[in-house]
C-alpha cells in the first residue's frame, strides 16, 4: 500500500500536475492540503476518472484538505476534534477496509503560525495540542493509522539547509518543535527518518531567491505512523523532481510504502 501527502498550493491551478503525478506514482491513498477551493469547485472528475474516491473539507481561497483513495471510505471525520469554534479547514480523516483489517489516514494542514507575536502562533500551538490529544485517543484504540500532511514544523536543524534563517520563524520555534517531540514521544514514527537519515532531504522550497536551484529547502511535510503501521513500513520517498515542473507548488509529494 502506498500512502502519500502533498500540499498542492491550489489544486485547481495544479490539477495537471496532480493528474500527472498520480499516473506516475499510483498511490493508493493521497492526502492533499492547501486546496484553496470549496468542495463544489474541487476538480473531482479529473481525479475520479483515475479510480479514486474523494472526500473533501474545502474552504474558499484558503486552507482546505482532501483524501483520495482507491479504497471506499468506511468512515470520514471532518475537522480536528477539540474546538467546535474552529472554522478553518485543516483536517480530514478516513477509515478504509483492507485485506488485513483496516487503516485510518488523516490529511493535516497545520497552521503556519507566523508572524510571531500575533494570535496566529497560539492558534498553531492549540491546533497541535488537539492533534496530540487525537493521536493519544487513537493510540489507545490500538489502530493502524497514518497522520500525514503539512505540519509546518521543521523538526531538527538537519531538516533545513540553513537553520539559522528560520530562527525567528514559527516553523522552527522551540515551542513548535516541542509539540513535534510530544507527538513522536507518544509512540508515533516519523516515516521518512525511520528510513532515511541523510541531510539535505527537503519537501519545501520557497519561491524566492532561487531556493529550489540552491536546494535551500526545509522538511515540513511528514507522515507519522502508529506502531501497527510502522511495523509494516517498507520505505519512503520524496518526489522532489515535481518541484522542477512548470509553475509548481512550493511543496512536493512525500510517500511511503506499507506491507498491507
Foldseek 3Di string as FASTA:
>chain_A
DKEKEWAFQACVVCVVVVLVVCVVPVGAKYKYKFNQPQPVPHPVVSLVVVQWDKDWHDDHRTMIMIMTHNFDFPDKDFDQPDDPVDPHRFKMKTWGQDPVGIEIEMEGDQQLQPDPPDVSVVSRLVVLVSVLVVLLVVVVVVHKYKYWYQSLAQQDPLQFPHSVVCDNGSNYDPSSNVSVVSNVVSPKDFLQCVADVDGLDAFFADPPDCCLVVSRHGHRTTMIIHPVQVVFWDHKDWPSVQCVDPPGDRGTMIMTDGPD
